[in-house]
Amino acid sequence: MKNTLFTLLLVCVTLSSFSQSTEEKFQRAKIYYSDSQQLSQLESLGVAVDHGKHKKGYFIISDFSTSELTIARDNGFKFDIL
């Protein structure tokens, strides 16, 4: 019984540590774009552009996940971490 309880506890602790290590990190960033087509492209790539501060035709400032920033960079968008 003690072995079963210990094994169950060990499994729970291990799963808990794995779930915490995959947590997405966010950073405030300014992503530059030059026209509405590029903004639509960012949106179609899965980058959240529906909130944040916009300067139309220039940039969007918001909190982006590291995966969103990677997508933006891989698709030729320039950005600054603020």
PDB file of N, CA and C in Angstrom:
ATOM      1  N   MET A   1       0.815  -1.185   0.000  1.00  0.00           N
ATOM      2  CA  MET A   1       0.000   0.000   0.000  1.00  0.00           C
ATOM      3  C   MET A   1       0.868   1.262   0.000  1.00  0.00           C
ATOM      4  N   LYS A   2       1.929   1.235   0.832  1.00  0.00           N
ATOM      5  CA  LYS A   2       2.807   2.396   0.886  1.00  0.00           C
ATOM      6  C   LYS A   2       3.524   2.593  -0.444  1.00  0.00           C
ATOM      7  N   ASN A   3       3.921   1.486  -1.086  1.00  0.00           N
ATOM      8  CA  ASN A   3       4.592   1.588  -2.377  1.00  0.00           C
ATOM      9  C   ASN A   3       3.665   2.185  -3.432  1.00  0.00           C
ATOM     10  N   THR A   4       2.396   1.802  -3.415  1.00  0.00           N
ATOM     11  CA  THR A   4       1.423   2.315  -4.380  1.00  0.00           C
ATOM     12  C   THR A   4       1.198   3.805  -4.164  1.00  0.00           C
ATOM     13  N   LEU A   5       1.062   4.211  -2.921  1.00  0.00           N
ATOM     14  CA  LEU A   5       0.876   5.615  -2.594  1.00  0.00           C
ATOM     15  C   LEU A   5       2.102   6.433  -2.990  1.00  0.00           C
ATOM     16  N   PHE A   6       3.282   5.916  -2.697  1.00  0.00           N
ATOM     17  CA  PHE A   6       4.517   6.607  -3.062  1.00  0.00           C
ATOM     18  C   PHE A   6       4.633   6.741  -4.581  1.00  0.00           C
ATOM     19  N   THR A   7       4.314   5.685  -5.318  1.00  0.00           N
ATOM     20  CA  THR A   7       4.378   5.709  -6.782  1.00  0.00           C
ATOM     21  C   THR A   7       3.389   6.722  -7.347  1.00  0.00           C
ATOM     22  N   LEU A   8       2.189   6.745  -6.809  1.00  0.00           N
ATOM     23  CA  LEU A   8       1.177   7.698  -7.265  1.00  0.00           C
ATOM     24  C   LEU A   8       1.624   9.127  -6.989  1.00  0.00           C
ATOM     25  N   LEU A   9       2.180   9.374  -5.819  1.00  0.00           N
ATOM     26  CA  LEU A   9       2.692  10.697  -5.469  1.00  0.00           C
ATOM     27  C   LEU A   9       3.835  11.096  -6.393  1.00  0.00           C
ATOM     28  N   LEU A  10       4.724  10.192  -6.694  1.00  0.00           N
ATOM     29  CA  LEU A  10       5.846  10.457  -7.586  1.00  0.00           C
ATOM     30  C   LEU A  10       5.366  10.809  -8.991  1.00  0.00           C
ATOM     31  N   VAL A  11       4.373  10.088  -9.480  1.00  0.00           N
ATOM     32  CA  VAL A  11       3.809  10.363 -10.802  1.00  0.00           C
ATOM     33  C   VAL A  11       3.166  11.745 -10.824  1.00  0.00           C
ATOM     34  N   CYS A  12       2.428  12.098  -9.791  1.00  0.00           N
ATOM     35  CA  CYS A  12       1.774  13.406  -9.727  1.00  0.00           C
ATOM     36  C   CYS A  12       2.793  14.540  -9.707  1.00  0.00           C
ATOM     37  N   VAL A  13       3.837  14.401  -8.935  1.00  0.00           N
ATOM     38  CA  VAL A  13       4.878  15.423  -8.862  1.00  0.00           C
ATOM     39  C   VAL A  13       5.585  15.558 -10.205  1.00  0.00           C
ATOM     40  N   THR A  14       5.885  14.452 -10.846  1.00  0.00           N
ATOM     41  CA  THR A  14       6.559  14.474 -12.150  1.00  0.00           C
ATOM     42  C   THR A  14       5.691  15.148 -13.196  1.00  0.00           C
ATOM     43  N   LEU A  15       4.414  14.796 -13.262  1.00  0.00           N
ATOM     44  CA  LEU A  15       3.513  15.418 -14.234  1.00  0.00           C
ATOM     45  C   LEU A  15       3.336  16.905 -13.966  1.00  0.00           C
ATOM     46  N   SER A  16       3.290  17.274 -12.715  1.00  0.00           N
ATOM     47  CA  SER A  16       3.150  18.677 -12.346  1.00  0.00           C
ATOM     48  C   SER A  16       4.364  19.482 -12.801  1.00  0.00           C
ATOM     49  N   SER A  17       5.546  18.943 -12.636  1.00  0.00           N
ATOM     50  CA  SER A  17       6.749  19.672 -13.039  1.00  0.00           C
ATOM     51  C   SER A  17       6.842  19.794 -14.557  1.00  0.00           C
ATOM     52  N   PHE A  18       6.384  18.794 -15.299  1.00  0.00           N
ATOM     53  CA  PHE A  18       6.380  18.883 -16.759  1.00  0.00           C
ATOM     54  C   PHE A  18       5.393  19.929 -17.242  1.00  0.00           C
ATOM     55  N   SER A  19       4.235  20.010 -16.632  1.00  0.00           N
ATOM     56  CA  SER A  19       3.227  20.975 -17.073  1.00  0.00           C
ATOM     57  C   SER A  19       3.674  22.394 -16.796  1.00  0.00           C
ATOM     58  N   GLN A  20       4.432  22.631 -15.756  1.00  0.00           N
ATOM     59  CA  GLN A  20       4.910  23.970 -15.449  1.00  0.00           C
ATOM     60  C   GLN A  20       6.045  24.385 -16.366  1.00  0.00           C
ATOM     61  N   SER A  21       6.830  23.461 -16.845  1.00  0.00           N
ATOM     62  CA  SER A  21       7.970  23.814 -17.687  1.00  0.00           C
ATOM     63  C   SER A  21       7.552  24.189 -19.104  1.00  0.00           C
ATOM     64  N   THR A  22       6.352  23.828 -19.512  1.00  0.00           N
ATOM     65  CA  THR A  22       5.901  24.158 -20.859  1.00  0.00           C
ATOM     66  C   THR A  22       5.052  25.423 -20.888  1.00  0.00           C
ATOM     67  N   GLU A  23       5.001  26.142 -19.783  1.00  0.00           N
ATOM     68  CA  GLU A  23       4.208  27.362 -19.720  1.00  0.00           C
ATOM     69  C   GLU A  23       4.808  28.412 -20.653  1.00  0.00           C
ATOM     70  N   GLU A  24       3.951  29.034 -21.446  1.00  0.00           N
ATOM     71  CA  GLU A  24       4.378  30.046 -22.421  1.00  0.00           C
ATOM     72  C   GLU A  24       4.769  31.333 -21.697  1.00  0.00           C
ATOM     73  N   LYS A  25       5.849  31.955 -22.127  1.00  0.00           N
ATOM     74  CA  LYS A  25       6.277  33.230 -21.557  1.00  0.00           C
ATOM     75  C   LYS A  25       5.851  34.354 -22.498  1.00  0.00           C
ATOM     76  N   PHE A  26       5.536  35.488 -21.913  1.00  0.00           N
ATOM     77  CA  PHE A  26       5.089  36.642 -22.687  1.00  0.00           C
ATOM     78  C   PHE A  26       6.033  37.803 -22.480  1.00  0.00           C
ATOM     79  N   GLN A  27       6.162  38.609 -23.550  1.00  0.00           N
ATOM     80  CA  GLN A  27       7.004  39.799 -23.493  1.00  0.00           C
ATOM     81  C   GLN A  27       6.285  40.935 -24.205  1.00  0.00           C
ATOM     82  N   ARG A  28       6.433  42.144 -23.664  1.00  0.00           N
ATOM     83  CA  ARG A  28       5.889  43.311 -24.346  1.00  0.00           C
ATOM     84  C   ARG A  28       6.844  43.625 -25.495  1.00  0.00           C
ATOM     85  N   ALA A  29       6.271  43.761 -26.676  1.00  0.00           N
ATOM     86  CA  ALA A  29       7.094  43.994 -27.861  1.00  0.00           C
ATOM     87  C   ALA A  29       6.371  44.921 -28.827  1.00  0.00           C
ATOM     88  N   LYS A  30       7.151  45.519 -29.704  1.00  0.00           N
ATOM     89  CA  LYS A  30       6.647  46.363 -30.783  1.00  0.00           C
ATOM     90  C   LYS A  30       6.986  45.647 -32.084  1.00  0.00           C
ATOM     91  N   ILE A  31       5.947  45.208 -32.806  1.00  0.00           N
ATOM     92  CA  ILE A  31       6.148  44.550 -34.101  1.00  0.00           C
ATOM     93  C   ILE A  31       5.847  45.566 -35.187  1.00  0.00           C
ATOM     94  N   TYR A  32       6.786  45.730 -36.097  1.00  0.00           N
ATOM     95  CA  TYR A  32       6.651  46.714 -37.176  1.00  0.00           C
ATOM     96  C   TYR A  32       5.978  46.091 -38.399  1.00  0.00           C
ATOM     97  N   TYR A  33       5.133  46.877 -39.039  1.00  0.00           N
ATOM     98  CA  TYR A  33       4.506  46.483 -40.297  1.00  0.00           C
ATOM     99  C   TYR A  33       4.266  47.750 -41.110  1.00  0.00           C
ATOM    100  N   SER A  34       4.060  47.601 -42.419  1.00  0.00           N
ATOM    101  CA  SER A  34       3.942  48.799 -43.252  1.00  0.00           C
ATOM    102  C   SER A  34       2.564  49.012 -43.862  1.00  0.00           C
ATOM    103  N   ASP A  35       1.724  47.991 -43.867  1.00  0.00           N
ATOM    104  CA  ASP A  35       0.381  48.168 -44.425  1.00  0.00           C
ATOM    105  C   ASP A  35      -0.581  47.152 -43.824  1.00  0.00           C
ATOM    106  N   SER A  36      -1.862  47.317 -44.134  1.00  0.00           N
ATOM    107  CA  SER A  36      -2.889  46.450 -43.550  1.00  0.00           C
ATOM    108  C   SER A  36      -2.739  45.005 -43.999  1.00  0.00           C
ATOM    109  N   GLN A  37      -2.152  44.771 -45.171  1.00  0.00           N
ATOM    110  CA  GLN A  37      -1.934  43.391 -45.626  1.00  0.00           C
ATOM    111  C   GLN A  37      -0.955  42.667 -44.711  1.00  0.00           C
ATOM    112  N   GLN A  38       0.083  43.357 -44.280  1.00  0.00           N
ATOM    113  CA  GLN A  38       1.040  42.735 -43.364  1.00  0.00           C
ATOM    114  C   GLN A  38       0.408  42.466 -42.006  1.00  0.00           C
ATOM    115  N   LEU A  39      -0.455  43.376 -41.554  1.00  0.00           N
ATOM    116  CA  LEU A  39      -1.150  43.146 -40.296  1.00  0.00           C
ATOM    117  C   LEU A  39      -2.071  41.931 -40.414  1.00  0.00           C
ATOM    118  N   SER A  40      -2.745  41.804 -41.543  1.00  0.00           N
ATOM    119  CA  SER A  40      -3.594  40.635 -41.789  1.00  0.00           C
ATOM    120  C   SER A  40      -2.768  39.363 -41.863  1.00  0.00           C
ATOM    121  N   GLN A  41      -1.569  39.468 -42.424  1.00  0.00           N
ATOM    122  CA  GLN A  41      -0.678  38.306 -42.497  1.00  0.00           C
ATOM    123  C   GLN A  41      -0.284  37.853 -41.094  1.00  0.00           C
ATOM    124  N   LEU A  42       0.063  38.808 -40.232  1.00  0.00           N
ATOM    125  CA  LEU A  42       0.390  38.454 -38.848  1.00  0.00           C
ATOM    126  C   LEU A  42      -0.771  37.721 -38.192  1.00  0.00           C
ATOM    127  N   GLU A  43      -1.970  38.248 -38.403  1.00  0.00           N
ATOM    128  CA  GLU A  43      -3.155  37.629 -37.809  1.00  0.00           C
ATOM    129  C   GLU A  43      -3.378  36.222 -38.342  1.00  0.00           C
ATOM    130  N   SER A  44      -3.197  36.044 -39.646  1.00  0.00           N
ATOM    131  CA  SER A  44      -3.399  34.715 -40.240  1.00  0.00           C
ATOM    132  C   SER A  44      -2.338  33.712 -39.792  1.00  0.00           C
ATOM    133  N   LEU A  45      -1.180  34.209 -39.367  1.00  0.00           N
ATOM    134  CA  LEU A  45      -0.118  33.342 -38.855  1.00  0.00           C
ATOM    135  C   LEU A  45      -0.359  32.939 -37.401  1.00  0.00           C
ATOM    136  N   GLY A  46      -1.364  33.545 -36.771  1.00  0.00           N
ATOM    137  CA  GLY A  46      -1.690  33.194 -35.396  1.00  0.00           C
ATOM    138  C   GLY A  46      -1.182  34.165 -34.358  1.00  0.00           C
ATOM    139  N   VAL A  47      -0.676  35.312 -34.806  1.00  0.00           N
ATOM    140  CA  VAL A  47      -0.210  36.337 -33.874  1.00  0.00           C
ATOM    141  C   VAL A  47      -1.400  37.215 -33.505  1.00  0.00           C
ATOM    142  N   ALA A  48      -1.647  37.378 -32.210  1.00  0.00           N
ATOM    143  CA  ALA A  48      -2.791  38.162 -31.748  1.00  0.00           C
ATOM    144  C   ALA A  48      -2.545  39.648 -32.019  1.00  0.00           C
ATOM    145  N   VAL A  49      -3.354  40.225 -32.900  1.00  0.00           N
ATOM    146  CA  VAL A  49      -3.234  41.650 -33.223  1.00  0.00           C
ATOM    147  C   VAL A  49      -4.537  42.393 -32.952  1.00  0.00           C
ATOM    148  N   ASP A  50      -5.453  41.760 -32.241  1.00  0.00           N
ATOM    149  CA  ASP A  50      -6.756  42.371 -31.992  1.00  0.00           C
ATOM    150  C   ASP A  50      -6.766  43.272 -30.760  1.00  0.00           C
ATOM    151  N   HIS A  51      -5.654  43.367 -30.065  1.00  0.00           N
ATOM    152  CA  HIS A  51      -5.556  44.244 -28.912  1.00  0.00           C
ATOM    153  C   HIS A  51      -4.146  44.810 -28.850  1.00  0.00           C
ATOM    154  N   GLY A  52      -3.960  45.819 -28.057  1.00  0.00           N
ATOM    155  CA  GLY A  52      -2.668  46.471 -27.960  1.00  0.00           C
ATOM    156  C   GLY A  52      -2.756  47.862 -28.554  1.00  0.00           C
ATOM    157  N   LYS A  53      -1.624  48.536 -28.596  1.00  0.00           N
ATOM    158  CA  LYS A  53      -1.553  49.882 -29.156  1.00  0.00           C
ATOM    159  C   LYS A  53      -1.101  49.784 -30.608  1.00  0.00           C
ATOM    160  N   HIS A  54      -1.853  50.414 -31.481  1.00  0.00           N
ATOM    161  CA  HIS A  54      -1.532  50.417 -32.910  1.00  0.00           C
ATOM    162  C   HIS A  54      -1.146  51.823 -33.349  1.00  0.00           C
ATOM    163  N   LYS A  55      -0.170  51.917 -34.197  1.00  0.00           N
ATOM    164  CA  LYS A  55       0.053  53.110 -35.004  1.00  0.00           C
ATOM    165  C   LYS A  55      -0.090  52.610 -36.424  1.00  0.00           C
ATOM    166  N   LYS A  56      -1.261  52.881 -36.999  1.00  0.00           N
ATOM    167  CA  LYS A  56      -1.649  52.304 -38.282  1.00  0.00           C
ATOM    168  C   LYS A  56      -0.555  52.489 -39.335  1.00  0.00           C
ATOM    169  N   GLY A  57      -0.169  51.360 -39.924  1.00  0.00           N
ATOM    170  CA  GLY A  57       0.852  51.372 -40.959  1.00  0.00           C
ATOM    171  C   GLY A  57       2.280  51.384 -40.450  1.00  0.00           C
ATOM    172  N   TYR A  58       2.456  51.326 -39.123  1.00  0.00           N
ATOM    173  CA  TYR A  58       3.800  51.389 -38.560  1.00  0.00           C
ATOM    174  C   TYR A  58       4.106  50.226 -37.605  1.00  0.00           C
ATOM    175  N   PHE A  59       3.303  50.085 -36.534  1.00  0.00           N
ATOM    176  CA  PHE A  59       3.625  49.066 -35.546  1.00  0.00           C
ATOM    177  C   PHE A  59       2.408  48.734 -34.695  1.00  0.00           C
ATOM    178  N   ILE A  60       2.542  47.635 -33.954  1.00  0.00           N
ATOM    179  CA  ILE A  60       1.611  47.258 -32.897  1.00  0.00           C
ATOM    180  C   ILE A  60       2.435  46.923 -31.669  1.00  0.00           C
ATOM    181  N   ILE A  61       2.009  47.463 -30.521  1.00  0.00           N
ATOM    182  CA  ILE A  61       2.645  47.160 -29.241  1.00  0.00           C
ATOM    183  C   ILE A  61       1.658  46.347 -28.422  1.00  0.00           C
ATOM    184  N   SER A  62       2.112  45.207 -27.936  1.00  0.00           N
ATOM    185  CA  SER A  62       1.263  44.356 -27.111  1.00  0.00           C
ATOM    186  C   SER A  62       2.137  43.362 -26.365  1.00  0.00           C
ATOM    187  N   ASP A  63       1.497  42.510 -25.589  1.00  0.00           N
ATOM    188  CA  ASP A  63       2.195  41.403 -24.926  1.00  0.00           C
ATOM    189  C   ASP A  63       2.058  40.183 -25.823  1.00  0.00           C
ATOM    190  N   PHE A  64       3.184  39.703 -26.337  1.00  0.00           N
ATOM    191  CA  PHE A  64       3.204  38.577 -27.254  1.00  0.00           C
ATOM    192  C   PHE A  64       3.913  37.395 -26.597  1.00  0.00           C
ATOM    193  N   SER A  65       3.455  36.200 -26.915  1.00  0.00           N
ATOM    194  CA  SER A  65       4.133  35.009 -26.425  1.00  0.00           C
ATOM    195  C   SER A  65       5.442  34.835 -27.198  1.00  0.00           C
ATOM    196  N   THR A  66       6.351  34.074 -26.621  1.00  0.00           N
ATOM    197  CA  THR A  66       7.617  33.837 -27.306  1.00  0.00           C
ATOM    198  C   THR A  66       7.393  33.106 -28.626  1.00  0.00           C
ATOM    199  N   SER A  67       6.381  32.246 -28.678  1.00  0.00           N
ATOM    200  CA  SER A  67       6.109  31.543 -29.936  1.00  0.00           C
ATOM    201  C   SER A  67       5.552  32.511 -30.989  1.00  0.00           C
ATOM    202  N   GLU A  68       4.746  33.492 -30.578  1.00  0.00           N
ATOM    203  CA  GLU A  68       4.242  34.491 -31.531  1.00  0.00           C
ATOM    204  C   GLU A  68       5.387  35.333 -32.085  1.00  0.00           C
ATOM    205  N   LEU A  69       6.330  35.700 -31.226  1.00  0.00           N
ATOM    206  CA  LEU A  69       7.477  36.487 -31.690  1.00  0.00           C
ATOM    207  C   LEU A  69       8.362  35.672 -32.627  1.00  0.00           C
ATOM    208  N   THR A  70       8.502  34.396 -32.360  1.00  0.00           N
ATOM    209  CA  THR A  70       9.261  33.519 -33.251  1.00  0.00           C
ATOM    210  C   THR A  70       8.584  33.439 -34.615  1.00  0.00           C
ATOM    211  N   ILE A  71       7.266  33.307 -34.630  1.00  0.00           N
ATOM    212  CA  ILE A  71       6.514  33.265 -35.895  1.00  0.00           C
ATOM    213  C   ILE A  71       6.723  34.564 -36.656  1.00  0.00           C
ATOM    214  N   ALA A  72       6.622  35.695 -35.971  1.00  0.00           N
ATOM    215  CA  ALA A  72       6.805  36.991 -36.623  1.00  0.00           C
ATOM    216  C   ALA A  72       8.213  37.098 -37.223  1.00  0.00           C
ATOM    217  N   ARG A  73       9.218  36.742 -36.443  1.00  0.00           N
ATOM    218  CA  ARG A  73      10.604  36.823 -36.923  1.00  0.00           C
ATOM    219  C   ARG A  73      10.837  35.882 -38.109  1.00  0.00           C
ATOM    220  N   ASP A  74      10.311  34.668 -38.026  1.00  0.00           N
ATOM    221  CA  ASP A  74      10.505  33.693 -39.099  1.00  0.00           C
ATOM    222  C   ASP A  74       9.823  34.109 -40.398  1.00  0.00           C
ATOM    223  N   ASN A  75       8.861  35.022 -40.300  1.00  0.00           N
ATOM    224  CA  ASN A  75       8.153  35.490 -41.485  1.00  0.00           C
ATOM    225  C   ASN A  75       8.582  36.894 -41.906  1.00  0.00           C
ATOM    226  N   GLY A  76       9.726  37.336 -41.411  1.00  0.00           N
ATOM    227  CA  GLY A  76      10.342  38.571 -41.886  1.00  0.00           C
ATOM    228  C   GLY A  76       9.925  39.845 -41.186  1.00  0.00           C
ATOM    229  N   PHE A  77       9.176  39.750 -40.097  1.00  0.00           N
ATOM    230  CA  PHE A  77       8.775  40.951 -39.370  1.00  0.00           C
ATOM    231  C   PHE A  77       9.861  41.348 -38.381  1.00  0.00           C
ATOM    232  N   LYS A  78      10.108  42.628 -38.280  1.00  0.00           N
ATOM    233  CA  LYS A  78      11.061  43.164 -37.311  1.00  0.00           C
ATOM    234  C   LYS A  78      10.290  43.522 -36.054  1.00  0.00           C
ATOM    235  N   PHE A  79      10.933  43.366 -34.894  1.00  0.00           N
ATOM    236  CA  PHE A  79      10.299  43.754 -33.635  1.00  0.00           C
ATOM    237  C   PHE A  79      11.346  44.135 -32.617  1.00  0.00           C
ATOM    238  N   ASP A  80      10.907  44.906 -31.645  1.00  0.00           N
ATOM    239  CA  ASP A  80      11.736  45.304 -30.504  1.00  0.00           C
ATOM    240  C   ASP A  80      11.061  44.814 -29.234  1.00  0.00           C
ATOM    241  N   ILE A  81      11.846  44.262 -28.325  1.00  0.00           N
ATOM    242  CA  ILE A  81      11.349  43.907 -27.000  1.00  0.00           C
ATOM    243  C   ILE A  81      11.406  45.180 -26.163  1.00  0.00           C
ATOM    244  N   LEU A  82      10.311  45.517 -25.528  1.00  0.00           N
ATOM    245  CA  LEU A  82      10.233  46.762 -24.756  1.00  0.00           C
ATOM    246  C   LEU A  82      10.442  46.525 -23.267  1.00  0.00           C
TER     247      LEU A  82
END
